Amino acid sequence: MTGHENSFDLRDAGAMRALAHPLRLRVLGLLRMNGPQSTGMLAEATGAASGSISYHLATLAKHGFVEPAPELGRDGRERWWRAAHEMTSLDAESYLDDPDRREAAEAMRRTVLDSYHRELLEALDAEMSLEPEWIAASDSSDGGAQLTLDEFRELTADLAAVRDKWWAVGREPRPGTRAVRWITHTFPRGER
């Protein structure tokens, strides 16, 4: 969960199902990371047909994730789109007592986790084309600790504060910058 001012608070099962599709999730991510794009640009970036991209954009728009950006089109045939929000937040506790929302959230979260896995593998594949100092600045790690519930909440809040700090610093490209990605998760482990 986040307190980000331009965040879409996901509560509707239909919207969760919309994001459970890998191509829709990727299109939304491209619009959020790269800014407004035309249907054709999104088709080229994803390798999907323009008609398929149009269909998925309409689904994303129906649920409030994207919106048309007609002012960017050079002619009446070119359709441009922008992300309606910078990020999506989901309060897992809010759907635990609703089987339909719980099922939709699980499908969406599995798609998101699959996308993280693919993105990490792509980063590993691309590593050899990077300058050594960018590779050295990268990190891939995990950890675990025995924490009380209050300590666990504090850990999650600390990580959210770090994310929010760097989100604010790096929202716009500047000279010498490169797109950098972070993925964090905190979760209680099952008893073993």
Protein backbone atom coordinates (compact mmCIF):
# COMPACT_ATOMS: atom_id res chain seq x y z
CA MET A 1 0.00 0.00 0.00
CA THR A 2 1.22 3.50 -0.71
CA GLY A 3 0.36 7.07 0.15
CA HIS A 4 1.44 8.29 -3.28
CA GLU A 5 -0.69 11.20 -4.45
CA ASN A 6 -1.17 9.87 -7.99
CA SER A 7 -2.00 6.28 -7.13
CA PHE A 8 -4.96 4.18 -8.26
CA ASP A 9 -6.38 2.34 -5.22
CA LEU A 10 -7.42 -0.98 -6.66
CA ARG A 11 -10.60 -2.38 -5.09
CA ASP A 12 -12.77 -3.58 -7.99
CA ALA A 13 -12.56 -7.25 -9.04
CA GLY A 14 -13.10 -6.31 -12.70
CA ALA A 15 -10.15 -3.92 -12.65
CA MET A 16 -8.03 -6.60 -10.97
CA ARG A 17 -8.97 -9.07 -13.72
CA ALA A 18 -8.06 -6.45 -16.34
CA LEU A 19 -4.53 -6.31 -14.93
CA ALA A 20 -4.32 -10.10 -14.74
CA HIS A 21 -3.55 -10.11 -18.47
CA PRO A 22 0.23 -9.94 -19.15
CA LEU A 23 -0.04 -7.73 -22.25
CA ARG A 24 -2.34 -5.23 -20.54
CA LEU A 25 0.02 -5.10 -17.58
CA ARG A 26 2.97 -4.52 -19.92
CA VAL A 27 1.16 -1.78 -21.87
CA LEU A 28 0.27 0.03 -18.65
CA GLY A 29 3.88 -0.26 -17.48
CA LEU A 30 5.19 1.18 -20.76
CA LEU A 31 2.83 4.15 -20.51
CA ARG A 32 3.82 4.78 -16.91
CA MET A 33 7.54 4.48 -17.52
CA ASN A 34 7.86 6.10 -20.96
CA GLY A 35 4.96 8.54 -20.98
CA PRO A 36 2.19 8.86 -23.57
CA GLN A 37 2.48 6.71 -26.68
CA SER A 38 0.49 5.94 -29.78
CA THR A 39 -1.18 2.59 -30.37
CA GLY A 40 1.41 1.92 -33.08
CA MET A 41 4.32 2.69 -30.75
CA LEU A 42 2.90 0.30 -28.16
CA ALA A 43 2.42 -2.38 -30.82
CA GLU A 44 6.04 -1.99 -31.89
CA ALA A 45 7.33 -2.08 -28.30
CA THR A 46 5.37 -5.22 -27.41
CA GLY A 47 5.42 -7.06 -30.73
CA ALA A 48 1.61 -7.34 -30.62
CA ALA A 49 -0.74 -6.41 -33.45
CA SER A 50 -2.20 -2.88 -33.38
CA GLY A 51 -5.73 -4.29 -33.21
CA SER A 52 -4.82 -6.33 -30.13
CA ILE A 53 -3.23 -3.28 -28.50
CA SER A 54 -6.35 -1.22 -29.23
CA TYR A 55 -8.53 -3.86 -27.60
CA HIS A 56 -6.35 -4.00 -24.48
CA LEU A 57 -6.15 -0.21 -24.26
CA ALA A 58 -9.96 -0.04 -24.38
CA THR A 59 -10.12 -2.55 -21.52
CA LEU A 60 -7.58 -0.56 -19.49
CA ALA A 61 -9.51 2.66 -20.19
CA LYS A 62 -12.80 1.05 -19.13
CA HIS A 63 -11.28 0.41 -15.69
CA GLY A 64 -9.61 3.83 -15.36
CA PHE A 65 -5.96 2.82 -15.87
CA VAL A 66 -5.36 4.77 -19.10
CA GLU A 67 -6.95 7.67 -20.93
CA PRO A 68 -6.83 8.97 -24.49
CA ALA A 69 -4.33 11.74 -25.27
CA PRO A 70 -5.80 13.07 -28.57
CA GLU A 71 -3.83 16.32 -28.39
CA LEU A 72 -0.65 14.33 -29.16
CA GLY A 73 -1.92 12.81 -32.42
CA ARG A 74 -0.64 14.26 -35.69
CA ASP A 75 -3.72 13.18 -37.60
CA GLY A 76 -7.17 11.71 -36.96
CA ARG A 77 -5.98 8.12 -37.46
CA GLU A 78 -3.25 8.13 -34.83
CA ARG A 79 -4.55 7.28 -31.33
CA TRP A 80 -2.41 8.32 -28.39
CA TRP A 81 -2.80 7.15 -24.80
CA ARG A 82 -1.42 8.05 -21.38
CA ALA A 83 -1.47 6.36 -18.00
CA ALA A 84 -4.16 7.86 -15.78
CA HIS A 85 -2.07 7.28 -12.64
CA GLU A 86 1.60 6.83 -11.80
CA MET A 87 1.08 3.66 -9.79
CA THR A 88 -1.49 1.17 -8.55
CA SER A 89 -1.90 0.19 -4.93
CA LEU A 90 -3.73 -2.77 -3.49
CA ASP A 91 -4.71 -3.23 0.14
CA ALA A 92 -4.61 -7.01 0.48
CA GLU A 93 -6.56 -6.96 3.73
CA SER A 94 -9.54 -5.26 2.04
CA TYR A 95 -10.52 -8.27 -0.09
CA LEU A 96 -9.88 -11.20 2.24
CA ASP A 97 -13.58 -11.61 3.09
CA ASP A 98 -14.76 -11.37 -0.54
CA PRO A 99 -14.12 -14.58 -2.54
CA ASP A 100 -14.63 -12.90 -5.94
CA ARG A 101 -12.21 -10.06 -5.19
CA ARG A 102 -9.74 -12.44 -3.52
CA GLU A 103 -9.70 -14.67 -6.62
CA ALA A 104 -9.31 -11.67 -8.96
CA ALA A 105 -6.53 -10.21 -6.79
CA GLU A 106 -4.68 -13.51 -6.72
CA ALA A 107 -4.82 -13.81 -10.52
CA MET A 108 -3.58 -10.24 -10.91
CA ARG A 109 -0.79 -10.64 -8.34
CA ARG A 110 0.41 -13.85 -10.02
CA THR A 111 0.60 -12.00 -13.35
CA VAL A 112 2.54 -9.18 -11.69
CA LEU A 113 4.98 -11.64 -10.10
CA ASP A 114 5.46 -13.41 -13.45
CA SER A 115 6.23 -10.03 -15.04
CA TYR A 116 8.81 -9.30 -12.31
CA HIS A 117 10.47 -12.64 -12.99
CA ARG A 118 10.66 -11.95 -16.75
CA GLU A 119 11.98 -8.45 -16.13
CA LEU A 120 14.72 -9.72 -13.81
CA LEU A 121 15.77 -12.34 -16.36
CA GLU A 122 15.84 -9.69 -19.11
CA ALA A 123 18.03 -7.51 -16.87
CA LEU A 124 20.41 -10.40 -16.34
CA ASP A 125 20.58 -11.02 -20.10
CA ALA A 126 21.23 -7.30 -20.78
CA GLU A 127 23.93 -6.99 -18.12
CA MET A 128 26.83 -7.70 -20.48
CA SER A 129 25.92 -4.67 -22.60
CA LEU A 130 26.11 -2.29 -19.62
CA GLU A 131 29.07 -0.29 -18.40
CA PRO A 132 30.82 -1.99 -15.45
CA GLU A 133 29.97 0.84 -13.04
CA TRP A 134 26.23 0.39 -13.72
CA ILE A 135 26.56 -3.34 -13.10
CA ALA A 136 28.49 -2.70 -9.88
CA ALA A 137 25.76 -0.35 -8.62
CA SER A 138 23.11 -3.04 -9.12
CA ASP A 139 21.92 -5.31 -6.33
CA SER A 140 20.05 -8.55 -6.08
CA SER A 141 19.56 -9.81 -2.59
CA ASP A 142 17.11 -11.23 -0.11
CA GLY A 143 16.97 -11.59 3.63
CA GLY A 144 14.89 -12.80 6.49
CA ALA A 145 14.53 -12.14 10.18
CA GLN A 146 12.41 -13.14 13.16
CA LEU A 147 10.21 -10.06 13.72
CA THR A 148 7.22 -9.11 15.79
CA LEU A 149 4.16 -7.81 13.94
CA ASP A 150 5.10 -4.22 14.90
CA GLU A 151 8.69 -4.73 13.65
CA PHE A 152 7.37 -6.25 10.44
CA ARG A 153 5.14 -3.20 9.90
CA GLU A 154 8.14 -0.93 10.56
CA LEU A 155 10.27 -2.80 7.99
CA THR A 156 7.54 -2.43 5.37
CA ALA A 157 7.16 1.29 6.17
CA ASP A 158 10.94 1.83 5.99
CA LEU A 159 11.10 0.23 2.54
CA ALA A 160 8.12 2.32 1.39
CA ALA A 161 9.92 5.49 2.54
CA VAL A 162 13.02 4.54 0.54
CA ARG A 163 10.92 3.86 -2.56
CA ASP A 164 9.04 7.16 -2.15
CA LYS A 165 12.32 9.10 -1.79
CA TRP A 166 13.82 7.77 -5.00
CA TRP A 167 10.50 7.95 -6.85
CA ALA A 168 10.42 11.69 -6.12
CA VAL A 169 14.05 12.18 -7.21
CA GLY A 170 13.84 10.22 -10.45
CA ARG A 171 10.43 10.98 -11.88
CA GLU A 172 11.81 12.80 -14.92
CA PRO A 173 14.84 11.97 -17.09
CA ARG A 174 17.86 14.21 -16.53
CA PRO A 175 21.34 14.30 -18.08
CA GLY A 176 23.34 11.30 -16.92
CA THR A 177 20.32 9.31 -15.79
CA ARG A 178 19.16 5.92 -16.96
CA ALA A 179 15.93 4.11 -16.12
CA VAL A 180 16.48 2.09 -12.94
CA ARG A 181 14.00 -0.42 -11.56
CA TRP A 182 13.43 -1.67 -8.05
CA ILE A 183 11.18 -4.48 -6.91
CA THR A 184 10.58 -5.10 -3.20
CA HIS A 185 8.37 -7.47 -1.30
CA THR A 186 7.87 -8.07 2.39
CA PHE A 187 5.83 -11.04 3.49
CA PRO A 188 5.48 -13.40 6.43
CA ARG A 189 6.81 -16.85 5.68
CA GLY A 190 4.65 -19.88 6.26
CA GLU A 191 5.53 -22.15 9.13
CA ARG A 192 7.96 -24.91 8.17
